[in-house]
């Protein structure tokens, strides 16, 4: 009988590989002159009027704000709409792009039989595959980019910005896409 520890470890390893392969790569820019530890409270920049002018989806808006709030709260921040240290803003951009691929192409390997009259036996010659060039193709994809910015409430200066881009199926980001994007961005928050 197999050791249950090995089964558990194998399940954990496969889960970790699948989980990390699903996350998207995030990028950040930060002002190196700013000490992040001086900021402990935050508020969102958009009022209800601005939200209605931009015609944001209420459900998507709520999901993004909740995911960002949870990330900041777990980093030791708290929401304070009256006197925040930092103001938060986000932007979602969904656009169609062309993705290009270039795959190498090889000739098939083959072998050929021959007759050797001196030994009176059949022999085999093997011809390995050879590089024949590249197969270039392109296809349309829809990509969604989520950007989160932190702005100093007193100076109106952006001191931290994170963003990630991933392939999406619709114009609106799904709950899972929002969650994984925010997690990817805020993994790099305190670094």
C-alpha atoms as a PDB file:
ATOM      1  CA  UNK A   1       0.000   0.000   0.000  1.00  0.00           C
ATOM      2  CA  UNK A   2       1.253   3.478  -0.823  1.00  0.00           C
ATOM      3  CA  UNK A   3       2.161   5.962   1.851  1.00  0.00           C
ATOM      4  CA  UNK A   4      -0.717   8.488   2.403  1.00  0.00           C
ATOM      5  CA  UNK A   5       1.861  11.258   2.836  1.00  0.00           C
ATOM      6  CA  UNK A   6       3.101  10.676  -0.724  1.00  0.00           C
ATOM      7  CA  UNK A   7      -0.462  10.857  -2.071  1.00  0.00           C
ATOM      8  CA  UNK A   8      -1.120  14.074  -0.179  1.00  0.00           C
ATOM      9  CA  UNK A   9       2.170  15.618  -1.280  1.00  0.00           C
ATOM     10  CA  UNK A  10       1.501  14.645  -4.926  1.00  0.00           C
ATOM     11  CA  UNK A  11      -1.964  16.194  -4.786  1.00  0.00           C
ATOM     12  CA  UNK A  12      -0.523  19.384  -3.273  1.00  0.00           C
ATOM     13  CA  UNK A  13       2.244  19.583  -5.905  1.00  0.00           C
ATOM     14  CA  UNK A  14      -0.187  19.155  -8.810  1.00  0.00           C
ATOM     15  CA  UNK A  15      -2.551  21.749  -7.302  1.00  0.00           C
ATOM     16  CA  UNK A  16       0.300  24.223  -6.860  1.00  0.00           C
ATOM     17  CA  UNK A  17       1.422  23.788 -10.458  1.00  0.00           C
ATOM     18  CA  UNK A  18      -2.109  24.267 -11.788  1.00  0.00           C
ATOM     19  CA  UNK A  19      -2.703  27.293  -9.551  1.00  0.00           C
ATOM     20  CA  UNK A  20       0.510  29.060 -10.540  1.00  0.00           C
ATOM     21  CA  UNK A  21      -0.024  28.357 -14.231  1.00  0.00           C
ATOM     22  CA  UNK A  22      -3.413  30.109 -14.082  1.00  0.00           C
ATOM     23  CA  UNK A  23      -2.109  33.338 -12.611  1.00  0.00           C
ATOM     24  CA  UNK A  24      -1.135  36.156 -14.909  1.00  0.00           C
ATOM     25  CA  UNK A  25       2.096  38.122 -14.810  1.00  0.00           C
ATOM     26  CA  UNK A  26       1.772  41.433 -13.004  1.00  0.00           C
ATOM     27  CA  UNK A  27       3.875  44.554 -13.333  1.00  0.00           C
ATOM     28  CA  UNK A  28       4.354  47.400 -10.907  1.00  0.00           C
ATOM     29  CA  UNK A  29       5.829  50.868 -10.924  1.00  0.00           C
ATOM     30  CA  UNK A  30       6.542  52.647  -7.701  1.00  0.00           C
ATOM     31  CA  UNK A  31       8.124  55.856  -6.565  1.00  0.00           C
ATOM     32  CA  UNK A  32      11.300  54.739  -4.802  1.00  0.00           C
ATOM     33  CA  UNK A  33      11.411  57.950  -2.773  1.00  0.00           C
ATOM     34  CA  UNK A  34       8.119  57.090  -1.036  1.00  0.00           C
ATOM     35  CA  UNK A  35       8.033  54.895   2.064  1.00  0.00           C
ATOM     36  CA  UNK A  36       4.935  52.674   1.829  1.00  0.00           C
ATOM     37  CA  UNK A  37       4.908  52.160   5.597  1.00  0.00           C
ATOM     38  CA  UNK A  38       3.756  55.769   6.107  1.00  0.00           C
ATOM     39  CA  UNK A  39       0.425  54.940   4.435  1.00  0.00           C
ATOM     40  CA  UNK A  40      -2.159  53.045   6.483  1.00  0.00           C
ATOM     41  CA  UNK A  41      -5.581  54.296   5.310  1.00  0.00           C
ATOM     42  CA  UNK A  42      -7.213  54.488   1.907  1.00  0.00           C
ATOM     43  CA  UNK A  43     -10.363  55.642   0.107  1.00  0.00           C
ATOM     44  CA  UNK A  44     -11.630  55.255  -3.440  1.00  0.00           C
ATOM     45  CA  UNK A  45     -11.339  58.261  -5.766  1.00  0.00           C
ATOM     46  CA  UNK A  46     -14.501  57.869  -7.820  1.00  0.00           C
ATOM     47  CA  UNK A  47     -17.770  59.201  -6.561  1.00  0.00           C
ATOM     48  CA  UNK A  48     -21.108  57.806  -7.669  1.00  0.00           C
ATOM     49  CA  UNK A  49     -21.437  60.611 -10.273  1.00  0.00           C
ATOM     50  CA  UNK A  50     -18.112  59.771 -11.936  1.00  0.00           C
ATOM     51  CA  UNK A  51     -19.001  56.094 -11.800  1.00  0.00           C
ATOM     52  CA  UNK A  52     -22.268  56.738 -13.665  1.00  0.00           C
ATOM     53  CA  UNK A  53     -20.551  58.978 -16.249  1.00  0.00           C
ATOM     54  CA  UNK A  54     -18.048  56.237 -17.094  1.00  0.00           C
ATOM     55  CA  UNK A  55     -20.907  53.740 -17.338  1.00  0.00           C
ATOM     56  CA  UNK A  56     -19.083  51.111 -15.305  1.00  0.00           C
ATOM     57  CA  UNK A  57     -20.806  47.848 -14.585  1.00  0.00           C
ATOM     58  CA  UNK A  58     -21.989  47.916 -10.950  1.00  0.00           C
ATOM     59  CA  UNK A  59     -21.258  44.239 -10.319  1.00  0.00           C
ATOM     60  CA  UNK A  60     -17.759  44.400 -11.816  1.00  0.00           C
ATOM     61  CA  UNK A  61     -17.094  47.630  -9.897  1.00  0.00           C
ATOM     62  CA  UNK A  62     -18.098  45.993  -6.632  1.00  0.00           C
ATOM     63  CA  UNK A  63     -16.017  42.859  -7.270  1.00  0.00           C
ATOM     64  CA  UNK A  64     -12.882  44.842  -8.124  1.00  0.00           C
ATOM     65  CA  UNK A  65     -13.248  47.141  -5.123  1.00  0.00           C
ATOM     66  CA  UNK A  66     -13.871  44.214  -2.758  1.00  0.00           C
ATOM     67  CA  UNK A  67     -10.852  42.289  -4.065  1.00  0.00           C
ATOM     68  CA  UNK A  68      -8.572  45.341  -3.756  1.00  0.00           C
ATOM     69  CA  UNK A  69      -9.980  46.190  -0.311  1.00  0.00           C
ATOM     70  CA  UNK A  70      -9.274  42.647   0.918  1.00  0.00           C
ATOM     71  CA  UNK A  71      -5.711  42.792  -0.423  1.00  0.00           C
ATOM     72  CA  UNK A  72      -5.016  46.119   1.273  1.00  0.00           C
ATOM     73  CA  UNK A  73      -6.662  45.084   4.547  1.00  0.00           C
ATOM     74  CA  UNK A  74      -4.540  41.919   4.633  1.00  0.00           C
ATOM     75  CA  UNK A  75      -1.489  44.186   4.132  1.00  0.00           C
ATOM     76  CA  UNK A  76      -2.448  46.121   7.293  1.00  0.00           C
ATOM     77  CA  UNK A  77      -4.346  49.028   5.726  1.00  0.00           C
ATOM     78  CA  UNK A  78      -7.883  50.143   6.559  1.00  0.00           C
ATOM     79  CA  UNK A  79     -10.525  52.036   4.611  1.00  0.00           C
ATOM     80  CA  UNK A  80     -11.158  55.608   5.769  1.00  0.00           C
ATOM     81  CA  UNK A  81     -13.329  57.640   3.374  1.00  0.00           C
ATOM     82  CA  UNK A  82     -13.100  60.827   5.491  1.00  0.00           C
ATOM     83  CA  UNK A  83      -9.335  61.299   5.958  1.00  0.00           C
ATOM     84  CA  UNK A  84      -7.325  58.790   3.886  1.00  0.00           C
ATOM     85  CA  UNK A  85      -3.547  58.676   3.462  1.00  0.00           C
ATOM     86  CA  UNK A  86      -3.932  57.286  -0.058  1.00  0.00           C
ATOM     87  CA  UNK A  87      -6.600  57.465  -2.733  1.00  0.00           C
ATOM     88  CA  UNK A  88      -7.275  54.428  -4.931  1.00  0.00           C
ATOM     89  CA  UNK A  89      -8.233  54.375  -8.581  1.00  0.00           C
ATOM     90  CA  UNK A  90      -8.580  51.521 -11.027  1.00  0.00           C
ATOM     91  CA  UNK A  91      -9.086  51.135 -14.738  1.00  0.00           C
ATOM     92  CA  UNK A  92     -10.194  48.200 -16.881  1.00  0.00           C
ATOM     93  CA  UNK A  93      -9.310  48.119 -20.564  1.00  0.00           C
ATOM     94  CA  UNK A  94     -10.611  45.311 -22.784  1.00  0.00           C
ATOM     95  CA  UNK A  95      -9.380  45.308 -26.370  1.00  0.00           C
ATOM     96  CA  UNK A  96      -8.873  42.980 -29.307  1.00  0.00           C
ATOM     97  CA  UNK A  97      -5.312  42.198 -30.278  1.00  0.00           C
ATOM     98  CA  UNK A  98      -3.574  40.027 -32.808  1.00  0.00           C
ATOM     99  CA  UNK A  99      -1.385  37.309 -31.362  1.00  0.00           C
ATOM    100  CA  UNK A 100       1.323  35.811 -33.536  1.00  0.00           C
ATOM    101  CA  UNK A 101       2.914  32.414 -33.151  1.00  0.00           C
ATOM    102  CA  UNK A 102       5.939  30.974 -34.858  1.00  0.00           C
ATOM    103  CA  UNK A 103       6.393  27.225 -34.536  1.00  0.00           C
ATOM    104  CA  UNK A 104       9.373  25.318 -35.921  1.00  0.00           C
ATOM    105  CA  UNK A 105       8.634  22.767 -38.640  1.00  0.00           C
ATOM    106  CA  UNK A 106      10.682  19.601 -39.182  1.00  0.00           C
ATOM    107  CA  UNK A 107      10.653  17.093 -42.007  1.00  0.00           C
ATOM    108  CA  UNK A 108       9.484  13.614 -41.036  1.00  0.00           C
ATOM    109  CA  UNK A 109      12.196  11.112 -40.258  1.00  0.00           C
ATOM    110  CA  UNK A 110      12.215   7.953 -42.334  1.00  0.00           C
ATOM    111  CA  UNK A 111      14.193   4.830 -42.987  1.00  0.00           C
ATOM    112  CA  UNK A 112      14.911   2.884 -46.138  1.00  0.00           C
ATOM    113  CA  UNK A 113      15.791  -0.759 -46.686  1.00  0.00           C
ATOM    114  CA  UNK A 114      18.645  -1.718 -48.965  1.00  0.00           C
ATOM    115  CA  UNK A 115      20.180  -4.982 -50.094  1.00  0.00           C
ATOM    116  CA  UNK A 116      23.905  -5.554 -49.534  1.00  0.00           C
ATOM    117  CA  UNK A 117      25.071  -7.958 -52.283  1.00  0.00           C
ATOM    118  CA  UNK A 118      28.348  -8.686 -50.461  1.00  0.00           C
ATOM    119  CA  UNK A 119      26.742  -9.911 -47.226  1.00  0.00           C
ATOM    120  CA  UNK A 120      23.499 -10.996 -48.920  1.00  0.00           C
ATOM    121  CA  UNK A 121      21.453  -9.291 -46.209  1.00  0.00           C
ATOM    122  CA  UNK A 122      19.023  -6.435 -45.953  1.00  0.00           C
ATOM    123  CA  UNK A 123      20.186  -3.318 -44.147  1.00  0.00           C
ATOM    124  CA  UNK A 124      18.404  -0.210 -42.902  1.00  0.00           C
ATOM    125  CA  UNK A 125      19.369   3.402 -43.481  1.00  0.00           C
ATOM    126  CA  UNK A 126      17.853   5.920 -41.066  1.00  0.00           C
ATOM    127  CA  UNK A 127      17.289   9.535 -42.133  1.00  0.00           C
ATOM    128  CA  UNK A 128      16.574  11.843 -39.165  1.00  0.00           C
ATOM    129  CA  UNK A 129      14.191  14.769 -39.394  1.00  0.00           C
ATOM    130  CA  UNK A 130      15.638  18.109 -40.437  1.00  0.00           C
ATOM    131  CA  UNK A 131      14.664  21.671 -39.709  1.00  0.00           C
ATOM    132  CA  UNK A 132      12.488  22.953 -42.573  1.00  0.00           C
ATOM    133  CA  UNK A 133      11.576  26.463 -41.378  1.00  0.00           C
ATOM    134  CA  UNK A 134       8.811  28.078 -39.359  1.00  0.00           C
ATOM    135  CA  UNK A 135       5.038  27.876 -39.491  1.00  0.00           C
ATOM    136  CA  UNK A 136       3.854  31.431 -38.786  1.00  0.00           C
ATOM    137  CA  UNK A 137       0.256  32.089 -37.841  1.00  0.00           C
ATOM    138  CA  UNK A 138      -1.806  34.828 -36.252  1.00  0.00           C
ATOM    139  CA  UNK A 139      -5.170  34.920 -34.528  1.00  0.00           C
ATOM    140  CA  UNK A 140      -7.423  37.411 -32.772  1.00  0.00           C
ATOM    141  CA  UNK A 141      -7.645  37.484 -28.970  1.00  0.00           C
ATOM    142  CA  UNK A 142      -9.479  39.657 -26.475  1.00  0.00           C
ATOM    143  CA  UNK A 143      -7.219  40.916 -23.691  1.00  0.00           C
ATOM    144  CA  UNK A 144      -8.277  42.595 -20.481  1.00  0.00           C
ATOM    145  CA  UNK A 145      -5.937  44.863 -18.524  1.00  0.00           C
ATOM    146  CA  UNK A 146      -6.652  45.789 -14.911  1.00  0.00           C
ATOM    147  CA  UNK A 147      -4.667  48.708 -13.482  1.00  0.00           C
ATOM    148  CA  UNK A 148      -4.742  49.770  -9.830  1.00  0.00           C
ATOM    149  CA  UNK A 149      -3.182  53.095  -8.786  1.00  0.00           C
ATOM    150  CA  UNK A 150      -2.419  54.484  -5.335  1.00  0.00           C
ATOM    151  CA  UNK A 151      -2.262  58.265  -5.104  1.00  0.00           C
ATOM    152  CA  UNK A 152      -1.069  60.358  -2.170  1.00  0.00           C
ATOM    153  CA  UNK A 153      -4.147  62.105  -0.767  1.00  0.00           C
ATOM    154  CA  UNK A 154      -2.256  65.309   0.131  1.00  0.00           C
ATOM    155  CA  UNK A 155      -0.056  65.779  -2.947  1.00  0.00           C
ATOM    156  CA  UNK A 156      -2.163  64.038  -5.665  1.00  0.00           C
ATOM    157  CA  UNK A 157       1.010  62.232  -6.731  1.00  0.00           C
ATOM    158  CA  UNK A 158       0.780  58.603  -7.861  1.00  0.00           C
ATOM    159  CA  UNK A 159       3.271  56.627  -5.787  1.00  0.00           C
ATOM    160  CA  UNK A 160       2.372  53.030  -6.720  1.00  0.00           C
ATOM    161  CA  UNK A 161       0.725  51.435  -9.749  1.00  0.00           C
ATOM    162  CA  UNK A 162       0.203  47.781 -10.630  1.00  0.00           C
ATOM    163  CA  UNK A 163      -1.319  46.178 -13.698  1.00  0.00           C
ATOM    164  CA  UNK A 164      -1.819  42.823 -15.344  1.00  0.00           C
ATOM    165  CA  UNK A 165      -3.091  41.724 -18.739  1.00  0.00           C
ATOM    166  CA  UNK A 166      -4.693  38.406 -19.543  1.00  0.00           C
ATOM    167  CA  UNK A 167      -6.787  36.821 -22.256  1.00  0.00           C
ATOM    168  CA  UNK A 168     -10.530  37.139 -21.545  1.00  0.00           C
ATOM    169  CA  UNK A 169     -13.680  35.808 -23.173  1.00  0.00           C
ATOM    170  CA  UNK A 170     -15.997  38.819 -22.840  1.00  0.00           C
ATOM    171  CA  UNK A 171     -15.913  42.597 -22.451  1.00  0.00           C
ATOM    172  CA  UNK A 172     -16.484  42.202 -18.718  1.00  0.00           C
ATOM    173  CA  UNK A 173     -14.025  40.450 -16.453  1.00  0.00           C
ATOM    174  CA  UNK A 174     -15.359  37.360 -14.693  1.00  0.00           C
ATOM    175  CA  UNK A 175     -15.169  36.958 -10.901  1.00  0.00           C
ATOM    176  CA  UNK A 176     -12.269  34.527 -11.271  1.00  0.00           C
ATOM    177  CA  UNK A 177     -10.383  36.855 -13.645  1.00  0.00           C
ATOM    178  CA  UNK A 178     -10.827  39.787 -11.251  1.00  0.00           C
ATOM    179  CA  UNK A 179      -9.721  37.743  -8.261  1.00  0.00           C
ATOM    180  CA  UNK A 180      -6.626  36.297  -9.949  1.00  0.00           C
ATOM    181  CA  UNK A 181      -5.648  39.662 -11.460  1.00  0.00           C
ATOM    182  CA  UNK A 182      -5.873  41.513  -8.133  1.00  0.00           C
ATOM    183  CA  UNK A 183      -3.941  38.747  -6.364  1.00  0.00           C
ATOM    184  CA  UNK A 184      -1.227  38.878  -9.022  1.00  0.00           C
ATOM    185  CA  UNK A 185      -0.928  42.646  -8.696  1.00  0.00           C
ATOM    186  CA  UNK A 186      -0.868  42.748  -4.896  1.00  0.00           C
ATOM    187  CA  UNK A 187       1.657  39.913  -4.586  1.00  0.00           C
ATOM    188  CA  UNK A 188       4.168  42.612  -5.485  1.00  0.00           C
ATOM    189  CA  UNK A 189       2.645  45.305  -3.277  1.00  0.00           C
ATOM    190  CA  UNK A 190       4.997  45.201  -0.303  1.00  0.00           C
ATOM    191  CA  UNK A 191       8.109  44.192  -2.269  1.00  0.00           C
END
